[in-house]
């Protein structure tokens, strides 16, 4: 019987605020590993016991009180854990865990960089570009070592024209500017990563994981973007079995503006 590994990723936009929704996601998607971004709490404040009750006895938390942060939750013990700091900041934007099947999972939360796509006028955008540049160096270095690795998370870039509701109208908006999309593609190509989501959904088709809170009716307007991603190394690409974007979660009471993404692999 083939063993599978189900890995989900979700920008939860405050884990303590949405712990009930986390349970609903866990029940719906049944992930073996659940990666979270924008948890907005320090490790000491993380809802450890609540996550244990959901079946995730093994937890890696890298966060700062009231800010972004990442976490990796697993039903089985980690082989190893860690995380890198970027742009000389200790804000927990990257968590690493080797999980069952000897697969190295990287959970990222790339800075949003809003509102102005100008690195001179907007220090947040400058930070984002620097973060992506550092990721490119890291990715190219990692590609020199063959292995079974996965990158998931809120990368805060919608790289393809079909990853936004209107390429023409969004082209000058943060998340879809050439400065960002070209950098993300360099990270992906230099690292030889396979876009697991586009493995299942052709690049000619629209694919979104984020809908703004500002929309009066997010479902009707459907002005979405694909900001959340899942990449695998070439060694894992043949193992890809399914991919799910849990769009319904955007319509749940008190939602995050992002929805969970899940990939399933035969390991």
Foldseek 3Di string as FASTA:
>chain_A
DFDKAKEKEEAFQACVVCVVVVLVCCVVRVGQKYKYKQNQDDPVPDPQVSVVVSQFNEKDWQAHHRGITMMMTGNDYWPDKDFDDFPPDRGHQWIWTQDPVREIEIEGDQQQQDDACDVVVGVSNVSRLRRLVVLLVVLLVQLVDDDKYKYWYQNNAQQACLQWPHCVVCQRGGRRDCSRNVSVVSSCVSNQWDFLVCVPPPSVHHDFFFFDPPDPDCVVVVGGGHRITMIIHPVFNVFWDDKDWPVCQCVDPPGDRGTMIMTMGRD
